[in-house]
Amino acid sequence: MRELRLAKRMARLGTETAFEVLVKARALEAKGRDIVHLEIGEPDFDTPGNVIEAACDALHKGFTHYGPSAGMPPLREMPEMLFRDASFGLTSKWRAGGFTRAGSCWRG
């Protein structure tokens, strides 16, 4: 079997800082500190049953692939409807990319 050789620049890659924070938070917990974990998005509760059922139902209906990179239009329209319905007097330009998903960056 051939040895896998990585480029030298790979040595410059660090670790994900959120996991470093998680290690520190768990160390504090071990010392008795009460910690609210916000570092990696891992909830401190089990997934609710209705969410599990909805996910299974969607999988059985064939929703097994990535959605559109811009997001699903009904979900992209939701903030616009909420702003309008809440009478904030705001309008959105979601069709031009005015809303973003978690983990993405908007450079409007």
C-alpha atoms as a PDB file:
ATOM      1  CA  MET A   1       0.000   0.000   0.000  1.00  0.00           C
ATOM      2  CA  ARG A   2       1.283   3.451  -0.940  1.00  0.00           C
ATOM      3  CA  GLU A   3       1.953   5.964   1.827  1.00  0.00           C
ATOM      4  CA  LEU A   4      -0.248   9.026   1.794  1.00  0.00           C
ATOM      5  CA  ARG A   5       1.962  12.107   1.623  1.00  0.00           C
ATOM      6  CA  LEU A   6       0.414  15.452   2.405  1.00  0.00           C
ATOM      7  CA  ALA A   7       1.637  18.796   1.127  1.00  0.00           C
ATOM      8  CA  LYS A   8       3.879  20.667   3.606  1.00  0.00           C
ATOM      9  CA  ARG A   9       1.358  23.512   3.770  1.00  0.00           C
ATOM     10  CA  MET A  10      -1.056  21.100   5.472  1.00  0.00           C
ATOM     11  CA  ALA A  11       1.064  21.453   8.634  1.00  0.00           C
ATOM     12  CA  ARG A  12      -0.113  25.074   8.873  1.00  0.00           C
ATOM     13  CA  LEU A  13      -3.719  24.039   9.363  1.00  0.00           C
ATOM     14  CA  GLY A  14      -4.881  24.489  12.920  1.00  0.00           C
ATOM     15  CA  THR A  15      -7.762  23.008  14.783  1.00  0.00           C
ATOM     16  CA  GLU A  16     -11.281  24.378  14.806  1.00  0.00           C
ATOM     17  CA  THR A  17     -11.281  26.902  17.638  1.00  0.00           C
ATOM     18  CA  ALA A  18     -14.810  25.976  18.700  1.00  0.00           C
ATOM     19  CA  PHE A  19     -13.539  22.558  19.718  1.00  0.00           C
ATOM     20  CA  GLU A  20     -10.731  24.163  21.720  1.00  0.00           C
ATOM     21  CA  VAL A  21     -13.363  26.194  23.565  1.00  0.00           C
ATOM     22  CA  LEU A  22     -15.368  23.008  24.147  1.00  0.00           C
ATOM     23  CA  VAL A  23     -12.354  21.342  25.775  1.00  0.00           C
ATOM     24  CA  LYS A  24     -11.889  24.338  28.089  1.00  0.00           C
ATOM     25  CA  ALA A  25     -15.606  24.439  28.921  1.00  0.00           C
ATOM     26  CA  ARG A  26     -15.646  20.734  29.781  1.00  0.00           C
ATOM     27  CA  ALA A  27     -12.586  21.220  31.993  1.00  0.00           C
ATOM     28  CA  LEU A  28     -14.443  23.954  33.880  1.00  0.00           C
ATOM     29  CA  GLU A  29     -17.472  21.679  34.201  1.00  0.00           C
ATOM     30  CA  ALA A  30     -15.268  18.968  35.659  1.00  0.00           C
ATOM     31  CA  LYS A  31     -14.264  21.497  38.332  1.00  0.00           C
ATOM     32  CA  GLY A  32     -17.908  22.066  39.218  1.00  0.00           C
ATOM     33  CA  ARG A  33     -18.643  25.181  37.165  1.00  0.00           C
ATOM     34  CA  ASP A  34     -22.105  25.476  35.599  1.00  0.00           C
ATOM     35  CA  ILE A  35     -21.531  25.963  31.858  1.00  0.00           C
ATOM     36  CA  VAL A  36     -24.007  26.868  29.122  1.00  0.00           C
ATOM     37  CA  HIS A  37     -22.522  25.365  25.970  1.00  0.00           C
ATOM     38  CA  LEU A  38     -22.722  27.666  22.967  1.00  0.00           C
ATOM     39  CA  GLU A  39     -19.423  26.712  21.356  1.00  0.00           C
ATOM     40  CA  ILE A  40     -20.297  24.045  18.775  1.00  0.00           C
ATOM     41  CA  GLY A  41     -24.048  24.149  18.473  1.00  0.00           C
ATOM     42  CA  GLU A  42     -24.524  20.880  20.303  1.00  0.00           C
ATOM     43  CA  PRO A  43     -27.743  21.187  22.318  1.00  0.00           C
ATOM     44  CA  ASP A  44     -27.878  19.911  25.870  1.00  0.00           C
ATOM     45  CA  PHE A  45     -31.200  18.156  25.234  1.00  0.00           C
ATOM     46  CA  ASP A  46     -32.388  15.306  23.050  1.00  0.00           C
ATOM     47  CA  THR A  47     -34.050  16.019  19.727  1.00  0.00           C
ATOM     48  CA  PRO A  48     -37.813  16.383  20.332  1.00  0.00           C
ATOM     49  CA  GLY A  49     -39.943  13.503  19.067  1.00  0.00           C
ATOM     50  CA  ASN A  50     -41.959  15.658  16.657  1.00  0.00           C
ATOM     51  CA  VAL A  51     -38.719  16.805  14.994  1.00  0.00           C
ATOM     52  CA  ILE A  52     -37.512  13.209  14.639  1.00  0.00           C
ATOM     53  CA  GLU A  53     -40.862  12.185  13.143  1.00  0.00           C
ATOM     54  CA  ALA A  54     -40.851  15.116  10.692  1.00  0.00           C
ATOM     55  CA  ALA A  55     -37.297  14.287   9.626  1.00  0.00           C
ATOM     56  CA  CYS A  56     -38.149  10.615   9.073  1.00  0.00           C
ATOM     57  CA  ASP A  57     -41.271  11.579   7.153  1.00  0.00           C
ATOM     58  CA  ALA A  58     -39.260  13.907   4.909  1.00  0.00           C
ATOM     59  CA  LEU A  59     -36.673  11.180   4.258  1.00  0.00           C
ATOM     60  CA  HIS A  60     -39.411   8.688   3.345  1.00  0.00           C
ATOM     61  CA  LYS A  61     -40.844  11.278   0.942  1.00  0.00           C
ATOM     62  CA  GLY A  62     -37.506  11.489  -0.879  1.00  0.00           C
ATOM     63  CA  PHE A  63     -36.012  14.634   0.638  1.00  0.00           C
ATOM     64  CA  THR A  64     -32.563  13.062   0.753  1.00  0.00           C
ATOM     65  CA  HIS A  65     -30.400  15.568  -1.109  1.00  0.00           C
ATOM     66  CA  TYR A  66     -29.028  19.019  -0.457  1.00  0.00           C
ATOM     67  CA  GLY A  67     -31.451  21.843  -1.051  1.00  0.00           C
ATOM     68  CA  PRO A  68     -30.690  24.809  -3.293  1.00  0.00           C
ATOM     69  CA  SER A  69     -27.603  26.730  -2.169  1.00  0.00           C
ATOM     70  CA  ALA A  70     -29.628  29.945  -1.950  1.00  0.00           C
ATOM     71  CA  GLY A  71     -32.151  28.208   0.308  1.00  0.00           C
ATOM     72  CA  MET A  72     -35.663  26.981  -0.289  1.00  0.00           C
ATOM     73  CA  PRO A  73     -37.908  29.861  -1.435  1.00  0.00           C
ATOM     74  CA  PRO A  74     -40.693  29.210   1.120  1.00  0.00           C
ATOM     75  CA  LEU A  75     -38.131  29.350   3.932  1.00  0.00           C
ATOM     76  CA  ARG A  76     -36.455  32.416   2.459  1.00  0.00           C
ATOM     77  CA  GLU A  77     -39.815  34.184   2.272  1.00  0.00           C
ATOM     78  CA  MET A  78     -40.613  33.537   5.945  1.00  0.00           C
ATOM     79  CA  PRO A  79     -38.554  36.425   7.430  1.00  0.00           C
ATOM     80  CA  GLU A  80     -40.122  38.765   4.915  1.00  0.00           C
ATOM     81  CA  MET A  81     -43.604  37.664   5.994  1.00  0.00           C
ATOM     82  CA  LEU A  82     -42.685  37.965   9.679  1.00  0.00           C
ATOM     83  CA  PHE A  83     -41.350  41.496   9.224  1.00  0.00           C
ATOM     84  CA  ARG A  84     -44.408  42.514   7.243  1.00  0.00           C
ATOM     85  CA  ASP A  85     -46.873  40.876   9.632  1.00  0.00           C
ATOM     86  CA  ALA A  86     -45.197  42.337  12.717  1.00  0.00           C
ATOM     87  CA  SER A  87     -45.775  45.851  11.365  1.00  0.00           C
ATOM     88  CA  PHE A  88     -42.124  46.790  11.720  1.00  0.00           C
ATOM     89  CA  GLY A  89     -42.468  48.824   8.548  1.00  0.00           C
ATOM     90  CA  LEU A  90     -39.567  46.874   7.091  1.00  0.00           C
ATOM     91  CA  THR A  91     -39.317  45.177   3.766  1.00  0.00           C
ATOM     92  CA  SER A  92     -36.715  42.691   2.703  1.00  0.00           C
ATOM     93  CA  LYS A  93     -34.942  42.015  -0.526  1.00  0.00           C
ATOM     94  CA  TRP A  94     -34.599  38.288   0.036  1.00  0.00           C
ATOM     95  CA  ARG A  95     -34.665  37.614  -3.677  1.00  0.00           C
ATOM     96  CA  ALA A  96     -31.415  39.563  -3.913  1.00  0.00           C
ATOM     97  CA  GLY A  97     -29.842  37.535  -1.103  1.00  0.00           C
ATOM     98  CA  GLY A  98     -30.753  39.724   1.854  1.00  0.00           C
ATOM     99  CA  PHE A  99     -31.069  36.828   4.287  1.00  0.00           C
ATOM    100  CA  THR A 100     -28.445  34.288   5.189  1.00  0.00           C
ATOM    101  CA  ARG A 101     -28.314  30.852   6.783  1.00  0.00           C
ATOM    102  CA  ALA A 102     -26.380  29.840   9.858  1.00  0.00           C
ATOM    103  CA  GLY A 103     -22.740  29.320   9.022  1.00  0.00           C
ATOM    104  CA  SER A 104     -22.752  31.622   6.024  1.00  0.00           C
ATOM    105  CA  CYS A 105     -21.629  35.174   5.544  1.00  0.00           C
ATOM    106  CA  TRP A 106     -23.665  37.897   3.892  1.00  0.00           C
ATOM    107  CA  ARG A 107     -21.766  40.644   2.139  1.00  0.00           C
ATOM    108  CA  GLY A 108     -24.825  42.698   1.160  1.00  0.00           C
END
